[in-house]
Amino acid sequence: MKKTDLEKQKNASLSHQLIKVGRLINEKGLAAARGAFQLPELKQSHLDLFPYIDFEGTSVSEIARRKGVSKQSVSKLVQEMVRMKILFLKADPEDSRSKHVFFNTSGPLAIQKGLEALMSVDHLLMEQLGEKPYMSMLKKVSGLVAVFQAKKRA
């Protein structure tokens, strides 16, 4: 098969196009988050930990379990985020060997800054598509998310 044929197949695949646009939106969102947090060294792997950290604090082991990765990889990212002052560590009062991870600012503020960064990307999408097509696409993609989440649970 020729390279041009493969390219045509990729471009004709909705799944491939969704993955591609997701990657591009991630890149835009990361750039916006770097600006919102004023942290040029912020990486996607750092932001990927946010959903796994509870506002009341979460152990490194629990974050790793929830994310499905090694404790060592989470520990490395947490240490980097502690240096960036996004997170802080506090000893677990019940287990001196364990530390809990907390958001340095209040958790909701960090999440709010992240959402504001994403909203700037949404604003760009709405400008490009128009409000009605944007809302229609949002509804359709939300439906797809629900379908895939339901299949993942089944």
N, C-alpha and C. Protein backbone atom coordinates (compact mmCIF):
# COMPACT_ATOMS: atom_id res chain seq x y z
N MET A 1 0.84 -1.18 0.00
CA MET A 1 0.00 0.00 0.00
C MET A 1 0.89 1.25 0.00
N LYS A 2 0.53 2.22 -0.81
CA LYS A 2 1.31 3.45 -0.92
C LYS A 2 1.06 4.36 0.28
N LYS A 3 2.04 5.21 0.52
CA LYS A 3 1.94 6.15 1.62
C LYS A 3 0.73 7.07 1.43
N THR A 4 0.47 7.51 0.20
CA THR A 4 -0.67 8.39 -0.05
C THR A 4 -1.99 7.68 0.22
N ASP A 5 -2.06 6.37 -0.05
CA ASP A 5 -3.27 5.60 0.24
C ASP A 5 -3.50 5.50 1.75
N LEU A 6 -2.43 5.29 2.47
CA LEU A 6 -2.54 5.24 3.94
C LEU A 6 -3.01 6.58 4.49
N GLU A 7 -2.47 7.65 3.94
CA GLU A 7 -2.85 8.99 4.37
C GLU A 7 -4.34 9.23 4.10
N LYS A 8 -4.82 8.79 2.93
CA LYS A 8 -6.24 8.93 2.59
C LYS A 8 -7.10 8.13 3.57
N GLN A 9 -6.65 6.92 3.91
CA GLN A 9 -7.41 6.09 4.88
C GLN A 9 -7.47 6.77 6.24
N LYS A 10 -6.33 7.30 6.68
CA LYS A 10 -6.31 7.98 7.97
C LYS A 10 -7.26 9.18 7.96
N ASN A 11 -7.21 9.95 6.90
CA ASN A 11 -8.05 11.15 6.82
C ASN A 11 -9.52 10.83 6.67
N ALA A 12 -9.85 9.63 6.21
CA ALA A 12 -11.24 9.21 6.06
C ALA A 12 -11.78 8.55 7.33
N SER A 13 -10.96 8.39 8.35
CA SER A 13 -11.36 7.75 9.60
C SER A 13 -11.75 8.80 10.64
N LEU A 14 -13.01 8.76 11.05
CA LEU A 14 -13.47 9.68 12.10
C LEU A 14 -12.67 9.46 13.38
N SER A 15 -12.42 8.21 13.73
CA SER A 15 -11.66 7.90 14.95
C SER A 15 -10.28 8.54 14.89
N HIS A 16 -9.61 8.40 13.76
CA HIS A 16 -8.28 8.99 13.62
C HIS A 16 -8.34 10.51 13.73
N GLN A 17 -9.33 11.11 13.10
CA GLN A 17 -9.45 12.56 13.15
C GLN A 17 -9.76 13.05 14.57
N LEU A 18 -10.59 12.29 15.30
CA LEU A 18 -10.88 12.66 16.69
C LEU A 18 -9.64 12.57 17.57
N ILE A 19 -8.85 11.52 17.35
CA ILE A 19 -7.59 11.38 18.11
C ILE A 19 -6.66 12.55 17.78
N LYS A 20 -6.57 12.87 16.52
CA LYS A 20 -5.69 13.96 16.08
C LYS A 20 -6.14 15.30 16.67
N VAL A 21 -7.44 15.59 16.59
CA VAL A 21 -7.93 16.85 17.15
C VAL A 21 -7.78 16.86 18.67
N GLY A 22 -7.96 15.70 19.31
CA GLY A 22 -7.76 15.61 20.76
C GLY A 22 -6.32 15.95 21.15
N ARG A 23 -5.38 15.43 20.37
CA ARG A 23 -3.96 15.74 20.63
C ARG A 23 -3.68 17.23 20.45
N LEU A 24 -4.23 17.81 19.39
CA LEU A 24 -4.00 19.23 19.13
C LEU A 24 -4.66 20.10 20.20
N ILE A 25 -5.85 19.71 20.65
CA ILE A 25 -6.51 20.45 21.73
C ILE A 25 -5.72 20.31 23.02
N ASN A 26 -5.18 19.11 23.28
CA ASN A 26 -4.33 18.92 24.46
C ASN A 26 -3.15 19.86 24.44
N GLU A 27 -2.51 19.99 23.28
CA GLU A 27 -1.35 20.88 23.15
C GLU A 27 -1.74 22.33 23.44
N LYS A 28 -2.88 22.77 22.88
CA LYS A 28 -3.36 24.13 23.14
C LYS A 28 -3.70 24.31 24.61
N GLY A 29 -4.39 23.32 25.18
CA GLY A 29 -4.76 23.38 26.60
C GLY A 29 -3.55 23.43 27.51
N LEU A 30 -2.52 22.66 27.17
CA LEU A 30 -1.28 22.66 27.96
C LEU A 30 -0.63 24.03 27.91
N ALA A 31 -0.58 24.62 26.72
CA ALA A 31 0.01 25.96 26.58
C ALA A 31 -0.78 26.97 27.42
N ALA A 32 -2.10 26.86 27.41
CA ALA A 32 -2.93 27.77 28.20
C ALA A 32 -2.72 27.53 29.70
N ALA A 33 -2.58 26.26 30.10
CA ALA A 33 -2.33 25.95 31.52
C ALA A 33 -0.97 26.47 31.97
N ARG A 34 0.03 26.36 31.09
CA ARG A 34 1.35 26.91 31.43
C ARG A 34 1.24 28.40 31.73
N GLY A 35 0.46 29.09 30.92
CA GLY A 35 0.25 30.52 31.14
C GLY A 35 -0.55 30.79 32.40
N ALA A 36 -1.62 30.03 32.62
CA ALA A 36 -2.48 30.24 33.79
C ALA A 36 -1.71 30.01 35.09
N PHE A 37 -0.86 28.98 35.10
CA PHE A 37 -0.08 28.68 36.30
C PHE A 37 1.27 29.38 36.31
N GLN A 38 1.60 30.05 35.21
CA GLN A 38 2.89 30.72 35.04
C GLN A 38 4.05 29.74 35.28
N LEU A 39 3.91 28.56 34.64
CA LEU A 39 4.91 27.50 34.78
C LEU A 39 5.26 26.96 33.40
N PRO A 40 6.27 27.52 32.76
CA PRO A 40 6.63 27.04 31.42
C PRO A 40 7.10 25.59 31.39
N GLU A 41 7.54 25.06 32.53
CA GLU A 41 8.05 23.68 32.57
C GLU A 41 6.94 22.65 32.81
N LEU A 42 5.70 23.10 32.95
CA LEU A 42 4.57 22.21 33.16
C LEU A 42 4.39 21.30 31.95
N LYS A 43 4.21 19.98 32.24
CA LYS A 43 4.05 18.99 31.17
C LYS A 43 2.67 18.35 31.27
N GLN A 44 2.26 17.73 30.19
CA GLN A 44 0.97 17.03 30.18
C GLN A 44 0.92 15.96 31.26
N SER A 45 2.04 15.29 31.47
CA SER A 45 2.07 14.23 32.49
C SER A 45 1.78 14.79 33.88
N HIS A 46 2.13 16.06 34.14
CA HIS A 46 1.80 16.67 35.43
C HIS A 46 0.29 16.87 35.53
N LEU A 47 -0.29 17.45 34.48
CA LEU A 47 -1.73 17.72 34.48
C LEU A 47 -2.54 16.43 34.57
N ASP A 48 -2.00 15.36 34.01
CA ASP A 48 -2.70 14.08 34.03
C ASP A 48 -2.92 13.55 35.45
N LEU A 49 -2.15 14.03 36.42
CA LEU A 49 -2.33 13.57 37.81
C LEU A 49 -3.50 14.25 38.51
N PHE A 50 -3.88 15.44 38.05
CA PHE A 50 -4.91 16.23 38.75
C PHE A 50 -6.16 15.43 39.11
N PRO A 51 -6.75 14.68 38.16
CA PRO A 51 -8.01 13.99 38.50
C PRO A 51 -7.85 12.91 39.57
N TYR A 52 -6.65 12.49 39.85
CA TYR A 52 -6.42 11.39 40.79
C TYR A 52 -6.11 11.87 42.21
N ILE A 53 -6.03 13.19 42.39
CA ILE A 53 -5.68 13.74 43.70
C ILE A 53 -6.93 14.33 44.34
N ASP A 54 -7.30 13.80 45.49
CA ASP A 54 -8.46 14.30 46.23
C ASP A 54 -8.09 15.59 46.96
N PHE A 55 -9.08 16.46 47.16
CA PHE A 55 -8.81 17.71 47.88
C PHE A 55 -8.35 17.46 49.31
N GLU A 56 -8.76 16.30 49.88
CA GLU A 56 -8.37 15.96 51.25
C GLU A 56 -6.99 15.32 51.31
N GLY A 57 -6.35 15.17 50.14
CA GLY A 57 -5.04 14.53 50.07
C GLY A 57 -5.16 13.07 49.67
N THR A 58 -4.16 12.60 48.96
CA THR A 58 -4.15 11.22 48.46
C THR A 58 -2.72 10.71 48.53
N SER A 59 -2.56 9.47 48.93
CA SER A 59 -1.21 8.90 48.99
C SER A 59 -0.68 8.67 47.58
N VAL A 60 0.64 8.68 47.44
CA VAL A 60 1.29 8.41 46.16
C VAL A 60 0.88 7.02 45.67
N SER A 61 0.83 6.06 46.58
CA SER A 61 0.43 4.69 46.21
C SER A 61 -0.98 4.66 45.64
N GLU A 62 -1.88 5.41 46.25
CA GLU A 62 -3.27 5.44 45.78
C GLU A 62 -3.38 6.12 44.42
N ILE A 63 -2.63 7.19 44.21
CA ILE A 63 -2.63 7.86 42.90
C ILE A 63 -2.15 6.88 41.84
N ALA A 64 -1.08 6.17 42.14
CA ALA A 64 -0.53 5.19 41.19
C ALA A 64 -1.54 4.10 40.90
N ARG A 65 -2.22 3.61 41.93
CA ARG A 65 -3.23 2.56 41.74
C ARG A 65 -4.37 3.06 40.86
N ARG A 66 -4.87 4.26 41.16
CA ARG A 66 -5.98 4.82 40.39
C ARG A 66 -5.60 5.04 38.92
N LYS A 67 -4.38 5.50 38.72
CA LYS A 67 -3.91 5.82 37.37
C LYS A 67 -3.45 4.57 36.62
N GLY A 68 -3.13 3.52 37.36
CA GLY A 68 -2.69 2.27 36.73
C GLY A 68 -1.25 2.32 36.27
N VAL A 69 -0.42 3.04 37.04
CA VAL A 69 1.01 3.15 36.73
C VAL A 69 1.82 2.85 37.98
N SER A 70 3.13 2.84 37.84
CA SER A 70 3.98 2.51 38.98
C SER A 70 4.04 3.66 39.99
N LYS A 71 4.26 3.28 41.23
CA LYS A 71 4.42 4.26 42.30
C LYS A 71 5.62 5.16 42.01
N GLN A 72 6.68 4.59 41.43
CA GLN A 72 7.89 5.35 41.13
C GLN A 72 7.62 6.46 40.12
N SER A 73 6.82 6.17 39.09
CA SER A 73 6.54 7.20 38.08
C SER A 73 5.69 8.32 38.67
N VAL A 74 4.73 7.97 39.52
CA VAL A 74 3.91 8.99 40.17
C VAL A 74 4.77 9.80 41.13
N SER A 75 5.63 9.13 41.89
CA SER A 75 6.48 9.81 42.85
C SER A 75 7.37 10.85 42.17
N LYS A 76 7.91 10.49 41.01
CA LYS A 76 8.78 11.42 40.26
C LYS A 76 7.98 12.65 39.84
N LEU A 77 6.78 12.45 39.29
CA LEU A 77 5.96 13.58 38.86
C LEU A 77 5.54 14.44 40.05
N VAL A 78 5.18 13.79 41.16
CA VAL A 78 4.79 14.53 42.36
C VAL A 78 5.95 15.39 42.85
N GLN A 79 7.16 14.84 42.88
CA GLN A 79 8.33 15.62 43.32
C GLN A 79 8.55 16.84 42.42
N GLU A 80 8.38 16.65 41.10
CA GLU A 80 8.52 17.78 40.17
C GLU A 80 7.46 18.85 40.47
N MET A 81 6.23 18.39 40.76
CA MET A 81 5.14 19.33 41.03
C MET A 81 5.29 20.00 42.39
N VAL A 82 5.93 19.33 43.32
CA VAL A 82 6.25 19.96 44.61
C VAL A 82 7.27 21.08 44.38
N ARG A 83 8.29 20.80 43.55
CA ARG A 83 9.28 21.84 43.24
C ARG A 83 8.63 23.05 42.54
N MET A 84 7.60 22.79 41.73
CA MET A 84 6.89 23.87 41.04
C MET A 84 5.86 24.55 41.94
N LYS A 85 5.71 24.03 43.17
CA LYS A 85 4.78 24.56 44.16
C LYS A 85 3.32 24.38 43.77
N ILE A 86 3.03 23.36 42.97
CA ILE A 86 1.65 23.01 42.64
C ILE A 86 1.09 22.11 43.74
N LEU A 87 1.95 21.21 44.25
CA LEU A 87 1.55 20.25 45.27
C LEU A 87 2.45 20.39 46.49
N PHE A 88 2.00 19.83 47.61
CA PHE A 88 2.88 19.66 48.77
C PHE A 88 2.60 18.30 49.37
N LEU A 89 3.57 17.80 50.12
CA LEU A 89 3.47 16.49 50.76
C LEU A 89 3.34 16.66 52.26
N LYS A 90 2.58 15.77 52.86
CA LYS A 90 2.39 15.78 54.31
C LYS A 90 2.41 14.34 54.78
N ALA A 91 3.12 14.07 55.87
CA ALA A 91 3.21 12.71 56.40
C ALA A 91 1.84 12.22 56.81
N ASP A 92 1.59 10.94 56.54
CA ASP A 92 0.34 10.30 56.93
C ASP A 92 0.43 10.03 58.43
N PRO A 93 -0.51 10.57 59.24
CA PRO A 93 -0.44 10.37 60.69
C PRO A 93 -0.59 8.91 61.10
N GLU A 94 -1.21 8.08 60.25
CA GLU A 94 -1.43 6.67 60.58
C GLU A 94 -0.31 5.76 60.09
N ASP A 95 0.50 6.25 59.15
CA ASP A 95 1.59 5.43 58.59
C ASP A 95 2.76 6.34 58.27
N SER A 96 3.78 6.32 59.12
CA SER A 96 4.91 7.24 58.97
C SER A 96 5.70 7.02 57.68
N ARG A 97 5.53 5.86 57.04
CA ARG A 97 6.24 5.59 55.78
C ARG A 97 5.54 6.21 54.59
N SER A 98 4.29 6.62 54.78
CA SER A 98 3.48 7.12 53.67
C SER A 98 3.31 8.63 53.75
N LYS A 99 3.27 9.27 52.59
CA LYS A 99 3.01 10.70 52.53
C LYS A 99 1.76 10.93 51.68
N HIS A 100 1.02 11.96 52.05
CA HIS A 100 -0.15 12.32 51.27
C HIS A 100 0.16 13.55 50.43
N VAL A 101 -0.43 13.58 49.24
CA VAL A 101 -0.23 14.64 48.28
C VAL A 101 -1.43 15.58 48.35
N PHE A 102 -1.15 16.87 48.41
CA PHE A 102 -2.19 17.90 48.46
C PHE A 102 -1.90 18.97 47.42
N PHE A 103 -2.97 19.63 46.95
CA PHE A 103 -2.78 20.80 46.10
C PHE A 103 -2.24 21.92 46.97
N ASN A 104 -1.25 22.66 46.46
CA ASN A 104 -0.64 23.74 47.22
C ASN A 104 -1.62 24.89 47.41
N THR A 105 -2.28 25.30 46.34
CA THR A 105 -3.38 26.24 46.50
C THR A 105 -4.58 25.38 46.82
N SER A 106 -5.69 26.01 47.14
CA SER A 106 -6.87 25.17 47.39
C SER A 106 -7.16 24.37 46.12
N GLY A 107 -7.51 23.13 46.28
CA GLY A 107 -7.78 22.26 45.14
C GLY A 107 -8.73 22.88 44.13
N PRO A 108 -9.87 23.41 44.59
CA PRO A 108 -10.80 24.00 43.62
C PRO A 108 -10.18 25.13 42.81
N LEU A 109 -9.28 25.92 43.40
CA LEU A 109 -8.64 27.00 42.65
C LEU A 109 -7.76 26.44 41.54
N ALA A 110 -7.00 25.39 41.84
CA ALA A 110 -6.16 24.77 40.82
C ALA A 110 -7.01 24.19 39.70
N ILE A 111 -8.10 23.52 40.06
CA ILE A 111 -9.01 22.97 39.05
C ILE A 111 -9.63 24.11 38.24
N GLN A 112 -10.01 25.19 38.92
CA GLN A 112 -10.62 26.34 38.23
C GLN A 112 -9.65 26.93 37.21
N LYS A 113 -8.38 27.07 37.59
CA LYS A 113 -7.38 27.60 36.64
C LYS A 113 -7.25 26.68 35.43
N GLY A 114 -7.26 25.38 35.68
CA GLY A 114 -7.18 24.41 34.59
C GLY A 114 -8.38 24.50 33.67
N LEU A 115 -9.57 24.64 34.27
CA LEU A 115 -10.79 24.76 33.47
C LEU A 115 -10.80 26.06 32.66
N GLU A 116 -10.28 27.14 33.25
CA GLU A 116 -10.19 28.40 32.51
C GLU A 116 -9.28 28.25 31.30
N ALA A 117 -8.20 27.50 31.45
CA ALA A 117 -7.31 27.25 30.32
C ALA A 117 -8.04 26.49 29.23
N LEU A 118 -8.83 25.47 29.62
CA LEU A 118 -9.60 24.71 28.63
C LEU A 118 -10.69 25.58 27.99
N MET A 119 -11.29 26.45 28.77
CA MET A 119 -12.34 27.32 28.22
C MET A 119 -11.77 28.24 27.14
N SER A 120 -10.51 28.63 27.27
CA SER A 120 -9.91 29.47 26.23
C SER A 120 -9.82 28.69 24.92
N VAL A 121 -9.58 27.39 25.01
CA VAL A 121 -9.55 26.54 23.82
C VAL A 121 -10.98 26.38 23.28
N ASP A 122 -11.95 26.19 24.18
CA ASP A 122 -13.35 26.09 23.75
C ASP A 122 -13.79 27.36 23.03
N HIS A 123 -13.36 28.50 23.53
CA HIS A 123 -13.71 29.78 22.89
C HIS A 123 -13.17 29.81 21.45
N LEU A 124 -11.97 29.35 21.26
CA LEU A 124 -11.38 29.28 19.92
C LEU A 124 -12.19 28.35 19.02
N LEU A 125 -12.58 27.19 19.56
CA LEU A 125 -13.40 26.25 18.79
C LEU A 125 -14.74 26.87 18.40
N MET A 126 -15.36 27.59 19.33
CA MET A 126 -16.65 28.22 19.03
C MET A 126 -16.49 29.29 17.96
N GLU A 127 -15.39 30.04 18.03
CA GLU A 127 -15.13 31.05 17.00
C GLU A 127 -14.98 30.41 15.62
N GLN A 128 -14.28 29.29 15.57
CA GLN A 128 -14.04 28.62 14.29
C GLN A 128 -15.29 27.95 13.73
N LEU A 129 -16.10 27.36 14.60
CA LEU A 129 -17.25 26.58 14.15
C LEU A 129 -18.55 27.39 14.07
N GLY A 130 -18.67 28.40 14.93
CA GLY A 130 -19.94 29.09 15.12
C GLY A 130 -20.65 28.46 16.31
N GLU A 131 -21.53 29.24 16.95
CA GLU A 131 -22.14 28.77 18.20
C GLU A 131 -23.03 27.53 18.02
N LYS A 132 -23.92 27.54 17.03
CA LYS A 132 -24.82 26.39 16.85
C LYS A 132 -24.06 25.12 16.49
N PRO A 133 -23.15 25.15 15.50
CA PRO A 133 -22.39 23.92 15.22
C PRO A 133 -21.54 23.47 16.41
N TYR A 134 -21.00 24.42 17.18
CA TYR A 134 -20.22 24.08 18.38
C TYR A 134 -21.09 23.32 19.37
N MET A 135 -22.29 23.87 19.66
CA MET A 135 -23.18 23.23 20.63
C MET A 135 -23.64 21.86 20.13
N SER A 136 -23.90 21.75 18.83
CA SER A 136 -24.29 20.48 18.25
C SER A 136 -23.17 19.45 18.38
N MET A 137 -21.94 19.88 18.08
CA MET A 137 -20.80 18.97 18.17
C MET A 137 -20.57 18.57 19.63
N LEU A 138 -20.70 19.51 20.55
CA LEU A 138 -20.52 19.21 21.97
C LEU A 138 -21.52 18.13 22.41
N LYS A 139 -22.76 18.28 21.98
CA LYS A 139 -23.80 17.31 22.33
C LYS A 139 -23.46 15.93 21.76
N LYS A 140 -23.04 15.89 20.51
CA LYS A 140 -22.72 14.61 19.86
C LYS A 140 -21.50 13.95 20.50
N VAL A 141 -20.47 14.73 20.75
CA VAL A 141 -19.25 14.16 21.34
C VAL A 141 -19.53 13.72 22.78
N SER A 142 -20.33 14.47 23.52
CA SER A 142 -20.71 14.06 24.88
C SER A 142 -21.45 12.73 24.84
N GLY A 143 -22.29 12.55 23.83
CA GLY A 143 -22.98 11.26 23.66
C GLY A 143 -22.00 10.13 23.40
N LEU A 144 -20.99 10.40 22.58
CA LEU A 144 -19.96 9.39 22.31
C LEU A 144 -19.20 9.03 23.58
N VAL A 145 -18.87 10.04 24.37
CA VAL A 145 -18.17 9.79 25.63
C VAL A 145 -19.01 8.88 26.51
N ALA A 146 -20.30 9.16 26.61
CA ALA A 146 -21.18 8.33 27.44
C ALA A 146 -21.22 6.89 26.94
N VAL A 147 -21.27 6.71 25.63
CA VAL A 147 -21.29 5.36 25.05
C VAL A 147 -20.02 4.60 25.40
N PHE A 148 -18.86 5.24 25.20
CA PHE A 148 -17.60 4.56 25.47
C PHE A 148 -17.38 4.33 26.96
N GLN A 149 -17.84 5.25 27.81
CA GLN A 149 -17.72 5.02 29.26
C GLN A 149 -18.59 3.86 29.68
N ALA A 150 -19.79 3.75 29.14
CA ALA A 150 -20.68 2.64 29.48
C ALA A 150 -20.07 1.32 29.04
N LYS A 151 -19.47 1.29 27.85
CA LYS A 151 -18.84 0.05 27.35
C LYS A 151 -17.63 -0.32 28.20
N LYS A 152 -16.93 0.69 28.71
CA LYS A 152 -15.74 0.43 29.54
C LYS A 152 -16.17 -0.23 30.86
N ARG A 153 -17.31 0.18 31.41
CA ARG A 153 -17.81 -0.38 32.68
C ARG A 153 -18.36 -1.78 32.49
N ALA A 154 -18.86 -2.06 31.30
CA ALA A 154 -19.51 -3.37 31.04
C ALA A 154 -18.51 -4.50 30.92
